[in-house]
């Protein structure tokens, strides 16, 4: 089994409900065991600021799937929730599911980069991930806690359950 962390984000069509539905879909994935989901966090958009704020979380699963298989399944969940892939980067979306970490693997293919290229720079990923895995050491050998200690919160707010 591989331990996998997934970043979840939405800012359109009832973002909290989108994340709730994404978690339910993750719990039904074949060859996967759902472990946990972090609190939800409200965050400002990374890209254009003329869009709604995001709701983000991190989910943890164990799987026997290969990384590309899991990517195909998570992208299918995004599509089922109305995700439209556009050329615009960091634009508004109904649902985004990113493979943040796939066990201790380092993957760099045309379709997939793991660890996720923005993992260490995004407070809306680092702090929910830290909630689930406070002792986590990234494949680079750096502790997640060390990254969190240097990362500004940028108005990140944990939402009540």
Protein backbone atom coordinates (compact mmCIF):
# COMPACT_ATOMS: atom_id res chain seq x y z
CA UNK A 1 0.00 0.00 0.00
CA UNK A 2 1.13 3.51 -0.80
CA UNK A 3 0.32 6.47 1.47
CA UNK A 4 -1.01 9.32 -0.67
CA UNK A 5 -1.91 12.90 0.19
CA UNK A 6 -4.33 14.77 -2.05
CA UNK A 7 -4.96 18.51 -2.13
CA UNK A 8 -8.61 19.50 -2.54
CA UNK A 9 -9.79 22.95 -3.59
CA UNK A 10 -12.91 24.67 -4.91
CA UNK A 11 -14.26 28.18 -5.26
CA UNK A 12 -17.37 27.78 -7.45
CA UNK A 13 -20.80 26.17 -7.03
CA UNK A 14 -20.87 25.85 -3.22
CA UNK A 15 -17.20 25.10 -2.58
CA UNK A 16 -17.77 23.42 0.79
CA UNK A 17 -20.34 21.08 -0.76
CA UNK A 18 -17.91 20.40 -3.63
CA UNK A 19 -15.26 19.30 -1.10
CA UNK A 20 -17.80 17.23 0.84
CA UNK A 21 -18.78 15.46 -2.39
CA UNK A 22 -15.13 14.97 -3.38
CA UNK A 23 -14.41 13.31 -0.02
CA UNK A 24 -17.39 10.98 -0.53
CA UNK A 25 -16.09 10.10 -4.01
CA UNK A 26 -12.57 9.45 -2.65
CA UNK A 27 -14.04 7.07 -0.08
CA UNK A 28 -15.48 4.99 -2.96
CA UNK A 29 -12.30 4.72 -5.06
CA UNK A 30 -11.34 1.15 -5.95
CA UNK A 31 -8.18 -0.28 -4.38
CA UNK A 32 -8.06 2.63 -1.94
CA UNK A 33 -8.64 3.00 1.77
CA UNK A 34 -9.72 6.46 2.89
CA UNK A 35 -7.72 7.48 5.99
CA UNK A 36 -8.61 11.08 6.88
CA UNK A 37 -9.36 14.60 5.71
CA UNK A 38 -8.11 17.79 7.31
CA UNK A 39 -10.28 20.66 8.43
CA UNK A 40 -11.44 22.88 5.61
CA UNK A 41 -9.59 26.17 5.17
CA UNK A 42 -10.64 29.42 3.52
CA UNK A 43 -7.91 31.00 1.41
CA UNK A 44 -7.45 33.83 -1.03
CA UNK A 45 -7.05 32.85 -4.70
CA UNK A 46 -3.48 32.35 -5.91
CA UNK A 47 -4.00 33.78 -9.34
CA UNK A 48 -6.40 36.47 -10.49
CA UNK A 49 -7.99 38.16 -7.49
CA UNK A 50 -11.30 38.83 -9.28
CA UNK A 51 -12.63 35.41 -8.28
CA UNK A 52 -14.20 33.99 -5.11
CA UNK A 53 -12.07 32.79 -2.20
CA UNK A 54 -11.22 29.09 -2.11
CA UNK A 55 -12.06 26.33 0.30
CA UNK A 56 -9.12 23.89 0.61
CA UNK A 57 -8.33 20.68 2.45
CA UNK A 58 -5.96 17.73 2.30
CA UNK A 59 -7.11 14.12 2.21
CA UNK A 60 -5.07 11.03 2.99
CA UNK A 61 -5.60 7.62 1.40
CA UNK A 62 -3.76 4.35 1.18
CA UNK A 63 -3.81 2.69 -2.24
CA UNK A 64 -2.40 -0.12 -4.32
CA UNK A 65 -3.02 1.88 -7.50
CA UNK A 66 -0.18 3.19 -9.64
CA UNK A 67 0.19 6.99 -9.64
CA UNK A 68 -1.17 7.39 -13.20
CA UNK A 69 -4.19 5.21 -12.35
CA UNK A 70 -4.97 7.34 -9.31
CA UNK A 71 -4.51 10.51 -11.38
CA UNK A 72 -7.03 9.20 -13.95
CA UNK A 73 -9.55 8.47 -11.18
CA UNK A 74 -9.14 11.84 -9.45
CA UNK A 75 -9.47 13.68 -12.76
CA UNK A 76 -12.67 11.72 -13.43
CA UNK A 77 -14.00 12.92 -10.05
CA UNK A 78 -13.15 16.51 -11.03
CA UNK A 79 -15.05 16.12 -14.31
CA UNK A 80 -18.05 14.60 -12.52
CA UNK A 81 -18.14 17.74 -10.37
CA UNK A 82 -18.17 20.10 -13.33
CA UNK A 83 -14.45 20.83 -13.63
CA UNK A 84 -13.61 22.46 -16.95
CA UNK A 85 -9.91 22.55 -17.76
CA UNK A 86 -8.96 25.87 -19.32
CA UNK A 87 -5.70 27.36 -20.51
CA UNK A 88 -6.01 29.97 -17.73
CA UNK A 89 -3.86 28.95 -14.81
CA UNK A 90 -5.16 29.44 -11.27
CA UNK A 91 -8.60 30.47 -12.44
CA UNK A 92 -11.87 29.67 -10.69
CA UNK A 93 -12.96 26.04 -10.55
CA UNK A 94 -15.63 23.78 -9.17
CA UNK A 95 -13.11 21.21 -7.94
CA UNK A 96 -9.40 20.63 -8.05
CA UNK A 97 -7.76 17.44 -6.76
CA UNK A 98 -3.96 17.43 -6.77
CA UNK A 99 -1.69 14.48 -5.98
CA UNK A 100 0.61 16.13 -3.45
CA UNK A 101 2.63 13.13 -2.28
CA UNK A 102 2.64 9.53 -3.43
CA UNK A 103 4.38 7.65 -0.64
CA UNK A 104 8.05 8.65 -0.88
CA UNK A 105 8.12 8.56 -4.67
CA UNK A 106 9.45 11.33 -6.85
CA UNK A 107 7.59 11.37 -10.17
CA UNK A 108 8.18 13.66 -13.12
CA UNK A 109 6.19 12.79 -16.22
CA UNK A 110 4.32 14.85 -18.78
CA UNK A 111 1.08 14.43 -16.80
CA UNK A 112 2.27 14.21 -13.22
CA UNK A 113 4.84 15.80 -10.94
CA UNK A 114 5.10 14.46 -7.38
CA UNK A 115 5.78 15.92 -4.91
CA UNK A 116 3.42 18.57 -6.26
CA UNK A 117 5.50 21.46 -7.62
CA UNK A 118 3.81 24.07 -5.37
CA UNK A 119 3.47 22.02 -2.20
CA UNK A 120 6.08 23.86 -0.12
CA UNK A 121 4.96 27.36 -1.15
CA UNK A 122 1.22 27.14 -0.57
CA UNK A 123 -0.12 27.73 2.92
CA UNK A 124 -3.47 26.22 1.91
CA UNK A 125 -1.62 22.93 1.29
CA UNK A 126 1.10 22.97 3.96
CA UNK A 127 -1.10 23.69 6.99
CA UNK A 128 -3.87 21.15 6.23
CA UNK A 129 -1.17 18.57 5.40
CA UNK A 130 0.61 19.35 8.66
CA UNK A 131 -2.66 18.71 10.48
CA UNK A 132 -2.76 15.16 9.06
CA UNK A 133 0.97 14.39 9.16
CA UNK A 134 2.80 16.55 11.72
CA UNK A 135 5.96 14.41 11.58
CA UNK A 136 6.09 14.22 7.78
CA UNK A 137 9.48 14.38 6.08
CA UNK A 138 9.24 15.20 2.38
CA UNK A 139 11.18 13.16 -0.20
CA UNK A 140 13.66 16.07 -0.29
CA UNK A 141 14.55 15.29 3.35
CA UNK A 142 12.99 18.52 4.69
CA UNK A 143 10.38 18.29 7.42
CA UNK A 144 6.95 19.70 6.71
CA UNK A 145 7.09 21.45 10.09
CA UNK A 146 10.26 23.33 9.04
CA UNK A 147 8.46 24.55 5.92
CA UNK A 148 5.39 25.58 7.92
CA UNK A 149 7.56 27.54 10.36
CA UNK A 150 8.74 29.81 7.52
CA UNK A 151 5.50 30.08 5.54
CA UNK A 152 3.19 33.07 6.03
CA UNK A 153 -0.49 32.28 6.64
CA UNK A 154 -1.72 34.87 4.08
CA UNK A 155 -5.11 35.13 5.86
CA UNK A 156 -5.62 31.36 5.77
CA UNK A 157 -8.52 30.53 8.09
CA UNK A 158 -9.51 27.14 9.45
CA UNK A 159 -13.25 26.70 9.12
CA UNK A 160 -15.35 25.22 11.92
CA UNK A 161 -16.44 21.61 11.45
